Amino acid sequence: MADDNLFRPPESEGRPPRPLADRMRPRDFTEFVGQEHIVGEHSVIRKAIEQGEVHSIIFWGPPGTGKTTLAYLIAKSTGSDFIAFSAVTSGVKEIREVIARAEMNMKINGKRTILFVDEIHRFNKAQQDAFLPHVEKGTIILIGATTENPSFEVNSALLSRSRVVMLKKLSEDDLREIARRALEDDERGLGKLRVLVSDEALEHAINQADGDARVVLNALELAAAATSPDKDGIRRIDLETIEGALQKKALLYDRAGEEHYNIISALHKSLRGSDPDAALYWLARMLEAGEDPLYVARRMVRFASEDIGNADPNALVVAIAAKGAVEFIGMPEGDLALAQAAVYLATAPKSNAIYKAYEKAKHDVLSRTAPPVPLHIRNAPTRLMKELGFGKEYKYPHGYEDALVEQDYLPAALRGRIYYEPTNRGYEAKIKARLERWRAILNERRRKSK
């Protein structure tokens, strides 16, 4: 049967103490941290809840962002009976029992029932279908929680009868506020234990939590329990203690400071120097310390054009694919896509010809008065423009042998300027040979026409 005592009051007697993360659950919307688009004082959703207008909802978001707590607060705010169970441990039998209870609530007490289903995506189609008639009749208000995209994991019929609300990953500031409250709260938190956490220890816990408030609170609770009070009665939690609580070592890395720039520079130079092993090391240093994987992916995309370019045009394709993979599957699974891209970029032939070419073109653009586009390569969509000579004498390359024709495409002041000078490395060697052949063909035609 569903556990409708999920939110037991802290003073319950005869029960083991509840985890800190459970004790610190917000008691009302004013205590809720984060998700301003949902619980903010002026948000449409909160106003509807406060007015008692509640319909079935699917909360979709990362772990530890408040999905369960929001469901409870909605029930509390609307005076509804609250029943919570997990799709991992419950089945159709439990659903029937919940429905029977909800029908009794409505018939005898005139009270609505909010059924909260955690990890609703784990229910199969038949189990999800069991909710439908009762959602439609209003016997229950269903609130589901999922970390997976409900478009793929929740039946379309159930989805059409529910509002999907996305929860955002909690920010580092949100996690600091949650930690502060837990450390200072004498009634439900660690206040009576007089816990003092060093800045580097707290930042490490926040960094490793990746937006999950439970991770931070669990680490603080375990660290406090493992720390004896000093002579002043204070439990001083240092970085080593938090590392033990998290079972994850803090790496020397400051995402906003000098070490951030030192290590990304080391990664970039290792790629440029064609050393895949060093590239993998510096990549791991960044990712395992909690660096934003999309920041690393963006640097790789830049590198693919700046240091490889057309020596291997697929380098840019691989870098973009790695970025897409990280966005699609997230971390930590996305680390291998970045590792694959790093090795590809490190072992690809190198050329900065594209970088140099663009810099030269940019210099001409910024240092000269902008000359007009030559008339013969302008479009002429109107009669007036044709009369003014727009597009006149333009030579259509496909009408000539080899799709080559002698024609100026640069303004007269820049005629003959060469920006792109391909190297002899990788695919650029083919580009260089092709350009040389084309220029030889045009020179020969020019010679014969004289």
Protein backbone atom coordinates (compact mmCIF):
# COMPACT_ATOMS: atom_id res chain seq x y z
CA MET A 1 0.00 0.00 0.00
CA ALA A 2 1.15 3.52 -0.63
CA ASP A 3 3.06 5.26 2.16
CA ASP A 4 0.82 8.18 3.08
CA ASN A 5 3.11 9.00 5.99
CA LEU A 6 5.91 10.13 3.73
CA PHE A 7 5.83 13.58 5.30
CA ARG A 8 5.59 12.62 8.95
CA PRO A 9 6.17 15.50 11.40
CA PRO A 10 9.64 15.58 12.98
CA GLU A 11 8.24 15.07 16.46
CA SER A 12 6.76 11.65 15.66
CA GLU A 13 7.55 9.33 18.56
CA GLY A 14 8.75 5.78 18.33
CA ARG A 15 10.26 6.25 14.90
CA PRO A 16 13.93 6.49 13.88
CA PRO A 17 15.06 10.02 13.05
CA ARG A 18 14.40 10.98 9.46
CA PRO A 19 17.24 12.01 7.11
CA LEU A 20 18.17 15.68 7.07
CA ALA A 21 16.98 16.05 3.47
CA ASP A 22 13.52 14.87 4.55
CA ARG A 23 13.41 16.97 7.72
CA MET A 24 14.34 20.12 5.81
CA ARG A 25 11.57 19.82 3.24
CA PRO A 26 9.83 23.21 2.89
CA ARG A 27 6.63 23.48 4.90
CA ASP A 28 5.13 26.07 2.58
CA PHE A 29 5.94 27.90 -0.63
CA THR A 30 7.79 30.69 1.20
CA GLU A 31 10.42 28.18 2.32
CA PHE A 32 10.88 26.69 -1.15
CA VAL A 33 14.23 27.52 -2.80
CA GLY A 34 14.52 27.72 -6.59
CA GLN A 35 11.91 27.06 -9.30
CA GLU A 36 10.71 30.68 -9.25
CA HIS A 37 8.78 30.08 -12.47
CA ILE A 38 6.59 27.67 -10.48
CA VAL A 39 6.53 28.86 -6.87
CA GLY A 40 7.35 32.54 -7.35
CA GLU A 41 4.87 34.86 -5.69
CA HIS A 42 3.55 36.12 -9.03
CA SER A 43 3.76 32.87 -11.00
CA VAL A 44 0.59 31.71 -12.73
CA ILE A 45 0.96 28.17 -11.36
CA ARG A 46 1.24 29.29 -7.74
CA LYS A 47 -1.73 31.62 -8.06
CA ALA A 48 -3.84 28.80 -9.49
CA ILE A 49 -2.80 26.49 -6.64
CA GLU A 50 -3.60 29.10 -3.99
CA GLN A 51 -7.04 29.52 -5.55
CA GLY A 52 -7.60 25.77 -5.38
CA GLU A 53 -7.46 25.29 -9.14
CA VAL A 54 -5.39 22.13 -9.40
CA HIS A 55 -5.29 19.70 -12.30
CA SER A 56 -3.13 16.69 -13.02
CA ILE A 57 0.52 17.59 -13.46
CA ILE A 58 3.69 15.87 -14.64
CA PHE A 59 6.79 17.35 -13.01
CA TRP A 60 9.78 16.77 -15.27
CA GLY A 61 13.25 17.63 -14.03
CA PRO A 62 16.60 16.47 -12.63
CA PRO A 63 16.88 14.65 -9.28
CA GLY A 64 16.77 16.68 -6.08
CA THR A 65 15.03 19.74 -7.54
CA GLY A 66 11.84 19.59 -5.48
CA LYS A 67 9.34 17.47 -7.43
CA THR A 68 8.13 15.49 -4.42
CA THR A 69 8.06 18.55 -2.17
CA LEU A 70 6.04 20.54 -4.68
CA ALA A 71 3.46 17.79 -4.89
CA TYR A 72 3.11 17.78 -1.09
CA LEU A 73 2.85 21.57 -0.90
CA ILE A 74 0.12 21.54 -3.54
CA ALA A 75 -1.85 19.01 -1.51
CA LYS A 76 -1.32 20.96 1.70
CA SER A 77 -2.21 24.29 0.10
CA THR A 78 -5.45 22.92 -1.39
CA GLY A 79 -6.48 20.87 1.66
CA SER A 80 -6.32 17.64 -0.32
CA ASP A 81 -5.53 14.18 0.97
CA PHE A 82 -1.98 13.29 -0.10
CA ILE A 83 -0.94 9.78 -1.08
CA ALA A 84 2.54 9.09 -2.35
CA PHE A 85 4.11 5.96 -3.74
CA SER A 86 6.86 4.98 -6.09
CA ALA A 87 6.42 3.37 -9.47
CA VAL A 88 9.44 1.21 -8.63
CA THR A 89 7.69 -0.69 -5.83
CA SER A 90 3.97 -0.34 -6.61
CA GLY A 91 1.69 -1.91 -9.20
CA VAL A 92 -1.92 -2.08 -10.37
CA LYS A 93 -3.04 -3.68 -7.05
CA GLU A 94 -1.78 -0.67 -5.11
CA ILE A 95 -3.40 1.68 -7.63
CA ARG A 96 -6.79 0.03 -7.00
CA GLU A 97 -6.36 0.45 -3.23
CA VAL A 98 -5.48 4.13 -3.70
CA ILE A 99 -8.52 4.68 -5.92
CA ALA A 100 -10.78 3.05 -3.33
CA ARG A 101 -9.42 5.34 -0.66
CA ALA A 102 -9.85 8.39 -2.92
CA GLU A 103 -13.48 7.47 -3.60
CA MET A 104 -14.12 7.18 0.15
CA ASN A 105 -12.44 10.54 0.73
CA MET A 106 -14.68 12.23 -1.79
CA LYS A 107 -17.88 10.43 -0.70
CA ILE A 108 -17.53 10.74 3.06
CA ASN A 109 -15.30 13.78 3.59
CA GLY A 110 -15.87 15.68 0.37
CA LYS A 111 -12.09 15.86 0.11
CA ARG A 112 -9.98 15.61 -3.02
CA THR A 113 -7.08 13.18 -3.23
CA ILE A 114 -3.76 14.04 -4.78
CA LEU A 115 -1.92 10.91 -5.85
CA PHE A 116 1.79 11.51 -6.22
CA VAL A 117 3.59 8.93 -8.35
CA ASP A 118 7.36 9.16 -8.19
CA GLU A 119 9.28 7.92 -11.24
CA ILE A 120 6.05 7.57 -13.19
CA HIS A 121 8.06 6.73 -16.30
CA ARG A 122 8.77 3.31 -14.73
CA PHE A 123 5.10 2.32 -14.98
CA ASN A 124 4.29 0.31 -18.11
CA LYS A 125 1.44 1.20 -20.45
CA ALA A 126 -1.13 -0.97 -18.64
CA GLN A 127 -0.25 0.56 -15.29
CA GLN A 128 -0.44 4.10 -16.66
CA ASP A 129 -3.75 3.29 -18.36
CA ALA A 130 -5.17 2.30 -14.97
CA PHE A 131 -5.09 5.96 -13.93
CA LEU A 132 -7.00 7.30 -16.94
CA PRO A 133 -10.67 6.77 -15.99
CA HIS A 134 -10.07 8.05 -12.47
CA VAL A 135 -8.23 11.14 -13.67
CA GLU A 136 -11.06 11.84 -16.10
CA LYS A 137 -13.75 11.40 -13.42
CA GLY A 138 -11.81 13.58 -11.00
CA THR A 139 -11.51 10.81 -8.43
CA ILE A 140 -7.82 11.62 -8.16
CA ILE A 141 -5.59 14.48 -9.14
CA LEU A 142 -2.48 12.80 -10.48
CA ILE A 143 0.91 14.40 -9.95
CA GLY A 144 3.69 12.43 -11.56
CA ALA A 145 7.41 13.00 -11.23
CA THR A 146 9.97 11.95 -13.79
CA THR A 147 13.56 12.61 -14.73
CA GLU A 148 12.87 11.34 -18.26
CA ASN A 149 11.24 13.16 -21.15
CA PRO A 150 7.50 12.55 -20.64
CA SER A 151 6.93 12.81 -24.39
CA PHE A 152 8.59 9.40 -24.71
CA GLU A 153 7.89 7.83 -21.31
CA VAL A 154 4.28 8.79 -20.47
CA ASN A 155 1.27 7.54 -22.43
CA SER A 156 -0.08 10.15 -24.80
CA ALA A 157 -3.61 9.76 -23.39
CA LEU A 158 -2.40 10.45 -19.86
CA LEU A 159 -0.12 13.21 -21.10
CA SER A 160 -2.99 14.97 -22.85
CA ARG A 161 -4.90 15.10 -19.56
CA SER A 162 -1.99 16.53 -17.61
CA ARG A 163 0.06 19.68 -17.60
CA VAL A 164 3.80 19.13 -18.00
CA VAL A 165 5.86 21.44 -15.80
CA MET A 166 9.63 21.50 -16.22
CA LEU A 167 11.82 21.94 -13.17
CA LYS A 168 15.26 23.47 -13.58
CA LYS A 169 18.47 22.23 -12.03
CA LEU A 170 19.08 24.12 -8.78
CA SER A 171 21.77 26.78 -9.08
CA GLU A 172 24.84 26.91 -6.88
CA ASP A 173 23.31 29.88 -5.07
CA ASP A 174 20.16 27.84 -4.43
CA LEU A 175 22.23 25.01 -2.95
CA ARG A 176 24.18 27.43 -0.74
CA GLU A 177 20.92 28.81 0.64
CA ILE A 178 19.56 25.32 1.30
CA ALA A 179 22.81 24.36 3.07
CA ARG A 180 22.77 27.56 5.14
CA ARG A 181 19.25 26.89 6.35
CA ALA A 182 20.09 23.32 7.30
CA LEU A 183 23.17 24.41 9.23
CA GLU A 184 21.30 27.13 11.13
CA ASP A 185 17.96 25.43 11.81
CA ASP A 186 17.82 24.28 15.45
CA GLU A 187 14.51 22.45 15.13
CA ARG A 188 14.87 20.40 11.96
CA GLY A 189 18.44 20.96 10.83
CA LEU A 190 21.95 20.77 12.28
CA GLY A 191 21.79 23.98 14.29
CA LYS A 192 21.93 22.30 17.70
CA LEU A 193 25.05 20.40 16.66
CA ARG A 194 26.91 23.70 16.08
CA VAL A 195 28.36 22.65 12.73
CA LEU A 196 30.92 24.91 11.04
CA VAL A 197 31.74 24.01 7.42
CA SER A 198 34.80 25.46 5.69
CA ASP A 199 34.16 27.39 2.49
CA GLU A 200 36.17 24.94 0.37
CA ALA A 201 34.31 21.97 1.86
CA LEU A 202 30.90 23.50 1.17
CA GLU A 203 31.87 24.52 -2.36
CA HIS A 204 33.09 21.01 -3.07
CA ALA A 205 29.77 19.54 -1.90
CA ILE A 206 27.85 22.04 -4.02
CA ASN A 207 30.03 21.40 -7.03
CA GLN A 208 29.61 17.63 -6.81
CA ALA A 209 25.87 17.87 -6.18
CA ASP A 210 25.23 19.04 -9.75
CA GLY A 211 22.02 20.80 -8.75
CA ASP A 212 20.72 18.04 -6.44
CA ALA A 213 19.86 19.41 -2.99
CA ARG A 214 19.73 15.92 -1.46
CA VAL A 215 23.39 15.32 -2.27
CA VAL A 216 24.44 18.45 -0.37
CA LEU A 217 22.23 17.76 2.64
CA ASN A 218 23.20 14.08 2.85
CA ALA A 219 26.89 15.02 2.72
CA LEU A 220 26.50 17.62 5.46
CA GLU A 221 24.56 15.22 7.68
CA LEU A 222 27.08 12.40 7.29
CA ALA A 223 30.04 14.73 7.76
CA ALA A 224 28.48 16.21 10.92
CA ALA A 225 27.85 12.74 12.35
CA ALA A 226 31.46 11.75 11.64
CA THR A 227 32.94 14.88 13.27
CA SER A 228 33.44 15.17 17.02
CA PRO A 229 32.93 18.54 18.72
CA ASP A 230 36.10 20.41 19.65
CA LYS A 231 36.75 21.93 23.09
CA ASP A 232 34.38 24.76 22.20
CA GLY A 233 31.62 22.34 21.26
CA ILE A 234 31.91 23.10 17.51
CA ARG A 235 31.97 20.40 14.84
CA ARG A 236 34.41 21.73 12.26
CA ILE A 237 33.94 20.11 8.85
CA ASP A 238 36.88 20.44 6.49
CA LEU A 239 37.40 19.44 2.88
CA GLU A 240 38.76 16.01 3.75
CA THR A 241 35.63 15.17 5.77
CA ILE A 242 33.31 16.24 2.97
CA GLU A 243 35.37 14.21 0.50
CA GLY A 244 34.84 11.19 2.70
CA ALA A 245 31.11 11.87 2.95
CA LEU A 246 30.78 12.23 -0.81
CA GLN A 247 33.29 9.48 -1.58
CA LYS A 248 34.74 11.85 -4.15
CA LYS A 249 38.03 13.68 -3.93
CA ALA A 250 38.15 17.40 -4.60
CA LEU A 251 40.44 18.11 -7.53
CA LEU A 252 42.59 21.22 -7.73
CA TYR A 253 40.43 23.24 -10.05
CA ASP A 254 38.66 26.57 -9.86
CA ARG A 255 35.98 26.93 -12.52
CA ALA A 256 36.03 30.71 -12.24
CA GLY A 257 39.69 31.29 -11.50
CA GLU A 258 43.19 30.96 -12.86
CA GLU A 259 43.33 27.15 -12.76
CA HIS A 260 40.31 27.03 -15.09
CA TYR A 261 42.24 28.97 -17.73
CA ASN A 262 45.46 27.07 -17.09
CA ILE A 263 43.87 23.70 -17.74
CA ILE A 264 41.80 24.69 -20.77
CA SER A 265 45.02 26.15 -22.19
CA ALA A 266 46.80 22.86 -21.50
CA LEU A 267 44.02 20.95 -23.26
CA HIS A 268 44.08 23.26 -26.27
CA LYS A 269 47.86 23.09 -26.62
CA SER A 270 47.86 19.30 -26.22
CA LEU A 271 45.35 19.01 -29.06
CA ARG A 272 47.37 21.41 -31.19
CA GLY A 273 50.53 19.44 -30.41
CA SER A 274 48.86 16.20 -31.58
CA ASP A 275 49.24 14.48 -28.20
CA PRO A 276 46.05 12.45 -27.55
CA ASP A 277 47.26 11.16 -24.17
CA ALA A 278 47.89 14.61 -22.73
CA ALA A 279 44.59 15.79 -24.21
CA LEU A 280 42.73 12.98 -22.44
CA TYR A 281 44.44 13.78 -19.14
CA TRP A 282 43.56 17.47 -19.19
CA LEU A 283 40.04 16.66 -20.38
CA ALA A 284 39.58 14.29 -17.43
CA ARG A 285 40.98 16.90 -15.03
CA MET A 286 38.30 19.33 -16.16
CA LEU A 287 35.33 16.98 -16.32
CA GLU A 288 36.01 15.12 -13.07
CA ALA A 289 36.38 18.44 -11.24
CA GLY A 290 32.90 19.44 -12.36
CA GLU A 291 33.59 21.70 -15.33
CA ASP A 292 30.60 22.43 -17.54
CA PRO A 293 30.95 19.81 -20.33
CA LEU A 294 29.38 22.16 -22.86
CA TYR A 295 32.14 24.69 -22.18
CA VAL A 296 34.69 22.01 -23.09
CA ALA A 297 32.65 21.07 -26.17
CA ARG A 298 32.53 24.71 -27.31
CA ARG A 299 36.32 24.96 -27.01
CA MET A 300 36.69 21.82 -29.13
CA VAL A 301 34.39 23.21 -31.81
CA ARG A 302 36.53 26.35 -31.95
CA PHE A 303 39.71 24.26 -32.08
CA ALA A 304 38.38 22.18 -34.97
CA SER A 305 38.19 25.28 -37.18
CA GLU A 306 41.14 27.22 -35.77
CA ASP A 307 43.80 24.50 -35.70
CA ILE A 308 42.56 21.83 -38.14
CA GLY A 309 40.25 23.56 -40.58
CA ASN A 310 40.16 21.96 -43.99
CA ALA A 311 43.14 19.73 -43.29
CA ASP A 312 40.35 17.46 -42.00
CA PRO A 313 36.86 18.94 -42.55
CA ASN A 314 35.37 16.10 -40.49
CA ALA A 315 37.01 17.50 -37.35
CA LEU A 316 34.30 20.15 -37.09
CA VAL A 317 31.63 17.49 -37.69
CA VAL A 318 33.04 15.33 -34.88
CA ALA A 319 33.28 18.27 -32.47
CA ILE A 320 29.70 19.34 -33.16
CA ALA A 321 28.55 15.73 -32.79
CA ALA A 322 30.27 15.49 -29.39
CA LYS A 323 28.49 18.66 -28.27
CA GLY A 324 25.18 17.24 -29.43
CA ALA A 325 25.85 13.94 -27.64
CA VAL A 326 26.51 15.75 -24.36
CA GLU A 327 23.28 17.74 -24.73
CA PHE A 328 21.36 14.58 -25.61
CA ILE A 329 22.55 12.11 -22.96
CA GLY A 330 24.05 14.45 -20.37
CA MET A 331 26.76 13.62 -17.90
CA PRO A 332 28.51 11.45 -16.87
CA GLU A 333 27.68 9.40 -19.98
CA GLY A 334 28.68 12.27 -22.26
CA ASP A 335 32.30 12.10 -21.11
CA LEU A 336 33.14 9.41 -23.67
CA ALA A 337 31.81 11.50 -26.55
CA LEU A 338 34.13 14.32 -25.48
CA ALA A 339 37.01 11.87 -25.05
CA GLN A 340 36.40 10.48 -28.56
CA ALA A 341 36.36 13.99 -29.98
CA ALA A 342 39.54 14.94 -28.11
CA VAL A 343 41.43 11.95 -29.51
CA TYR A 344 40.12 12.65 -33.04
CA LEU A 345 41.15 16.30 -32.88
CA ALA A 346 44.57 15.48 -31.44
CA THR A 347 45.33 12.93 -34.16
CA ALA A 348 43.92 14.93 -37.09
CA PRO A 349 46.29 16.76 -39.49
CA LYS A 350 46.74 20.37 -38.42
CA SER A 351 46.31 23.62 -40.33
CA ASN A 352 45.61 27.15 -39.23
CA ALA A 353 45.08 28.31 -42.81
CA ILE A 354 41.38 29.06 -42.21
CA TYR A 355 42.25 31.09 -39.10
CA LYS A 356 44.93 33.08 -40.97
CA ALA A 357 42.68 33.58 -43.99
CA TYR A 358 39.84 35.00 -41.93
CA GLU A 359 42.19 37.25 -39.96
CA LYS A 360 43.52 38.73 -43.22
CA ALA A 361 40.02 39.24 -44.61
CA LYS A 362 38.90 40.79 -41.31
CA HIS A 363 41.88 43.16 -41.38
CA ASP A 364 40.91 44.42 -44.84
CA VAL A 365 37.29 44.86 -43.74
CA LEU A 366 38.21 46.81 -40.61
CA SER A 367 41.09 48.88 -42.02
CA ARG A 368 39.58 50.01 -45.33
CA THR A 369 36.56 51.98 -46.43
CA ALA A 370 34.00 49.41 -47.52
CA PRO A 371 34.00 49.33 -51.36
CA PRO A 372 30.70 48.64 -53.14
CA VAL A 373 29.82 45.19 -54.43
CA PRO A 374 30.78 45.02 -58.15
CA LEU A 375 27.73 45.59 -60.34
CA HIS A 376 28.09 42.39 -62.34
CA ILE A 377 27.69 40.13 -59.25
CA ARG A 378 24.71 41.99 -57.79
CA ASN A 379 21.21 40.56 -58.10
CA ALA A 380 18.81 42.46 -60.32
CA PRO A 381 15.26 41.55 -59.26
CA THR A 382 13.70 44.79 -60.59
CA ARG A 383 13.65 46.51 -63.98
CA LEU A 384 15.27 49.64 -62.57
CA MET A 385 18.16 47.64 -61.15
CA LYS A 386 18.70 45.96 -64.51
CA GLU A 387 18.71 49.37 -66.22
CA LEU A 388 21.32 50.53 -63.72
CA GLY A 389 23.59 47.66 -64.71
CA PHE A 390 23.02 45.31 -61.79
CA GLY A 391 24.05 41.81 -62.87
CA LYS A 392 25.15 43.02 -66.29
CA GLU A 393 27.84 40.89 -67.95
CA TYR A 394 27.73 38.31 -65.16
CA LYS A 395 29.15 35.03 -66.42
CA TYR A 396 27.36 31.92 -65.15
CA PRO A 397 30.16 29.42 -64.33
CA HIS A 398 28.06 26.33 -65.16
CA GLY A 399 27.91 27.51 -68.74
CA TYR A 400 31.68 27.15 -69.12
CA GLU A 401 34.05 24.21 -69.30
CA ASP A 402 35.07 22.91 -65.86
CA ALA A 403 32.54 25.38 -64.39
CA LEU A 404 35.36 27.93 -64.52
CA VAL A 405 35.27 31.39 -65.99
CA GLU A 406 37.58 34.35 -65.59
CA GLN A 407 35.62 36.86 -63.57
CA ASP A 408 36.30 39.23 -60.68
CA TYR A 409 34.37 38.64 -57.44
CA LEU A 410 36.28 41.04 -55.21
CA PRO A 411 35.93 44.83 -55.38
CA ALA A 412 38.38 46.49 -57.76
CA ALA A 413 40.50 47.82 -54.87
CA LEU A 414 41.10 44.26 -53.65
CA ARG A 415 41.47 42.56 -57.02
CA GLY A 416 43.95 39.68 -56.90
CA ARG A 417 43.97 39.48 -53.10
CA ILE A 418 44.55 35.92 -51.77
CA TYR A 419 43.46 35.22 -48.22
CA TYR A 420 43.28 31.44 -48.06
CA GLU A 421 46.57 29.62 -48.54
CA PRO A 422 46.02 25.89 -47.89
CA THR A 423 48.84 23.77 -46.52
CA ASN A 424 50.14 20.46 -47.83
CA ARG A 425 48.66 18.60 -44.85
CA GLY A 426 45.62 16.32 -44.87
CA TYR A 427 42.68 17.20 -47.09
CA GLU A 428 44.07 20.71 -47.60
CA ALA A 429 46.68 19.19 -49.89
CA LYS A 430 43.82 18.25 -52.25
CA ILE A 431 42.30 21.72 -51.94
CA LYS A 432 45.67 23.29 -52.71
CA ALA A 433 46.16 21.10 -55.77
CA ARG A 434 42.63 21.89 -56.98
CA LEU A 435 43.10 25.66 -56.60
CA GLU A 436 46.45 25.49 -58.40
CA ARG A 437 44.87 23.50 -61.25
CA TRP A 438 41.99 25.98 -61.58
CA ARG A 439 44.36 28.92 -61.65
CA ALA A 440 46.50 27.18 -64.28
CA ILE A 441 43.40 26.58 -66.46
CA LEU A 442 42.34 30.22 -66.23
CA ASN A 443 45.89 31.42 -66.94
CA GLU A 444 46.05 29.20 -70.02
CA ARG A 445 42.69 30.54 -71.29
CA ARG A 446 43.89 34.06 -70.65
CA ARG A 447 47.08 33.37 -72.64
CA LYS A 448 45.16 31.91 -75.60
CA SER A 449 42.72 34.81 -75.69
CA LYS A 450 45.48 37.36 -76.20
